[in-house]
Amino acid sequence: MQEKPYFCPNCRSNRVKFSVISSISQPFLKDAVTGVLTEVGEQEPLTDTEPTIQCLVCSFSANELRFIKQAEREPRAGQPLPPSYQ
């Protein structure tokens, strides 16, 4: 995760309450007739190229870059803007 500000592009009110969503893979076998689990394998974390972030105010989830770009488009009031010339 990057150490940059986030801003929810959906509710446009949250800048502080977020969670990271991670995925796991766990193989298993089921009985075709009864549906009973017959074998359960080890859990393995799935690695994502970019973390998925969820807003804890409106439950919107997207990749991290979407939250970062929204924060860059709408910086907090009183926050100095980076110069647009270079």
C-alpha atoms as a PDB file:
ATOM      1  CA  MET A   1       0.000   0.000   0.000  1.00  0.00           C
ATOM      2  CA  GLN A   2       1.173   3.479  -0.804  1.00  0.00           C
ATOM      3  CA  GLU A   3       1.488   6.181   1.829  1.00  0.00           C
ATOM      4  CA  LYS A   4      -0.717   8.687   0.025  1.00  0.00           C
ATOM      5  CA  PRO A   5      -4.082  10.198   0.978  1.00  0.00           C
ATOM      6  CA  TYR A   6      -7.288   8.421  -0.041  1.00  0.00           C
ATOM      7  CA  PHE A   7     -10.675   9.934  -0.860  1.00  0.00           C
ATOM      8  CA  CYS A   8     -13.700   7.768  -1.659  1.00  0.00           C
ATOM      9  CA  PRO A   9     -14.826   8.436  -5.246  1.00  0.00           C
ATOM     10  CA  ASN A  10     -18.304   7.093  -4.470  1.00  0.00           C
ATOM     11  CA  CYS A  11     -19.581   8.807  -1.310  1.00  0.00           C
ATOM     12  CA  ARG A  12     -17.043  11.668  -1.547  1.00  0.00           C
ATOM     13  CA  SER A  13     -17.098  12.194   2.207  1.00  0.00           C
ATOM     14  CA  ASN A  14     -14.631   9.645   3.579  1.00  0.00           C
ATOM     15  CA  ARG A  15     -10.906  10.326   3.808  1.00  0.00           C
ATOM     16  CA  VAL A  16      -9.985   8.228   6.860  1.00  0.00           C
ATOM     17  CA  LYS A  17     -11.992   4.974   7.255  1.00  0.00           C
ATOM     18  CA  PHE A  18     -10.871   2.211   4.882  1.00  0.00           C
ATOM     19  CA  SER A  19     -10.054  -1.480   4.872  1.00  0.00           C
ATOM     20  CA  VAL A  20      -7.821  -3.626   2.668  1.00  0.00           C
ATOM     21  CA  ILE A  21      -9.510  -6.629   1.060  1.00  0.00           C
ATOM     22  CA  SER A  22      -7.344  -9.675   0.557  1.00  0.00           C
ATOM     23  CA  SER A  23      -8.248 -12.984  -1.048  1.00  0.00           C
ATOM     24  CA  ILE A  24      -7.400 -16.558  -0.183  1.00  0.00           C
ATOM     25  CA  SER A  25      -7.658 -19.795  -2.110  1.00  0.00           C
ATOM     26  CA  GLN A  26      -8.656 -23.024  -0.364  1.00  0.00           C
ATOM     27  CA  PRO A  27      -9.238 -26.188  -2.389  1.00  0.00           C
ATOM     28  CA  PHE A  28     -11.897 -28.670  -1.227  1.00  0.00           C
ATOM     29  CA  LEU A  29     -13.814 -31.750  -2.409  1.00  0.00           C
ATOM     30  CA  LYS A  30     -17.554 -32.336  -1.919  1.00  0.00           C
ATOM     31  CA  ASP A  31     -19.669 -35.436  -2.169  1.00  0.00           C
ATOM     32  CA  ALA A  32     -21.723 -35.078  -5.365  1.00  0.00           C
ATOM     33  CA  VAL A  33     -24.909 -36.524  -3.818  1.00  0.00           C
ATOM     34  CA  THR A  34     -24.973 -35.226  -0.224  1.00  0.00           C
ATOM     35  CA  GLY A  35     -22.898 -32.050  -0.592  1.00  0.00           C
ATOM     36  CA  VAL A  36     -20.793 -32.971   2.465  1.00  0.00           C
ATOM     37  CA  LEU A  37     -17.175 -31.770   2.457  1.00  0.00           C
ATOM     38  CA  THR A  38     -14.920 -34.798   2.070  1.00  0.00           C
ATOM     39  CA  GLU A  39     -11.519 -33.103   1.907  1.00  0.00           C
ATOM     40  CA  VAL A  40     -10.272 -29.590   2.692  1.00  0.00           C
ATOM     41  CA  GLY A  41      -6.859 -28.291   1.624  1.00  0.00           C
ATOM     42  CA  GLU A  42      -4.581 -25.592   3.028  1.00  0.00           C
ATOM     43  CA  GLN A  43      -5.461 -21.918   2.640  1.00  0.00           C
ATOM     44  CA  GLU A  44      -3.139 -19.989   0.341  1.00  0.00           C
ATOM     45  CA  PRO A  45      -3.147 -16.192   0.080  1.00  0.00           C
ATOM     46  CA  LEU A  46      -3.599 -14.816  -3.432  1.00  0.00           C
ATOM     47  CA  THR A  47      -1.219 -12.017  -4.335  1.00  0.00           C
ATOM     48  CA  ASP A  48      -2.725  -9.047  -6.139  1.00  0.00           C
ATOM     49  CA  THR A  49      -0.680  -6.571  -8.148  1.00  0.00           C
ATOM     50  CA  GLU A  50      -2.563  -3.720  -6.492  1.00  0.00           C
ATOM     51  CA  PRO A  51      -4.514  -3.872  -3.222  1.00  0.00           C
ATOM     52  CA  THR A  52      -8.288  -3.620  -3.219  1.00  0.00           C
ATOM     53  CA  ILE A  53      -9.526  -0.908  -0.852  1.00  0.00           C
ATOM     54  CA  GLN A  54     -13.004  -0.660   0.663  1.00  0.00           C
ATOM     55  CA  CYS A  55     -14.598   2.519   2.010  1.00  0.00           C
ATOM     56  CA  LEU A  56     -15.996   1.819   5.477  1.00  0.00           C
ATOM     57  CA  VAL A  57     -18.630   4.556   5.102  1.00  0.00           C
ATOM     58  CA  CYS A  58     -20.399   3.443   1.901  1.00  0.00           C
ATOM     59  CA  SER A  59     -18.806  -0.025   1.333  1.00  0.00           C
ATOM     60  CA  PHE A  60     -17.547   0.915  -2.141  1.00  0.00           C
ATOM     61  CA  SER A  61     -14.475  -1.091  -3.153  1.00  0.00           C
ATOM     62  CA  ALA A  62     -11.971  -0.538  -5.953  1.00  0.00           C
ATOM     63  CA  ASN A  63      -8.259  -0.678  -6.595  1.00  0.00           C
ATOM     64  CA  GLU A  64      -6.028   1.563  -4.496  1.00  0.00           C
ATOM     65  CA  LEU A  65      -5.109   3.874  -7.364  1.00  0.00           C
ATOM     66  CA  ARG A  66      -8.726   4.970  -7.790  1.00  0.00           C
ATOM     67  CA  PHE A  67      -8.857   6.252  -4.183  1.00  0.00           C
ATOM     68  CA  ILE A  68      -5.460   7.961  -4.546  1.00  0.00           C
ATOM     69  CA  LYS A  69      -6.393   9.705  -7.822  1.00  0.00           C
ATOM     70  CA  GLN A  70      -9.645  10.982  -6.302  1.00  0.00           C
ATOM     71  CA  ALA A  71      -7.684  12.470  -3.386  1.00  0.00           C
ATOM     72  CA  GLU A  72      -5.321  14.153  -5.861  1.00  0.00           C
ATOM     73  CA  ARG A  73      -8.255  15.623  -7.836  1.00  0.00           C
ATOM     74  CA  GLU A  74      -9.939  16.968  -4.703  1.00  0.00           C
ATOM     75  CA  PRO A  75      -7.308  17.849  -2.078  1.00  0.00           C
ATOM     76  CA  ARG A  76      -8.387  18.826   1.428  1.00  0.00           C
ATOM     77  CA  ALA A  77      -9.093  22.501   2.065  1.00  0.00           C
ATOM     78  CA  GLY A  78      -6.051  24.258   3.467  1.00  0.00           C
ATOM     79  CA  GLN A  79      -3.672  21.688   1.960  1.00  0.00           C
ATOM     80  CA  PRO A  80      -1.005  23.221  -0.254  1.00  0.00           C
ATOM     81  CA  LEU A  81      -1.351  22.287  -3.907  1.00  0.00           C
ATOM     82  CA  PRO A  82       1.723  21.080  -5.798  1.00  0.00           C
ATOM     83  CA  PRO A  83       2.848  23.562  -8.447  1.00  0.00           C
ATOM     84  CA  SER A  84       1.376  22.857 -11.890  1.00  0.00           C
ATOM     85  CA  TYR A  85       4.388  24.252 -13.716  1.00  0.00           C
ATOM     86  CA  GLN A  86       7.720  22.468 -14.116  1.00  0.00           C
END
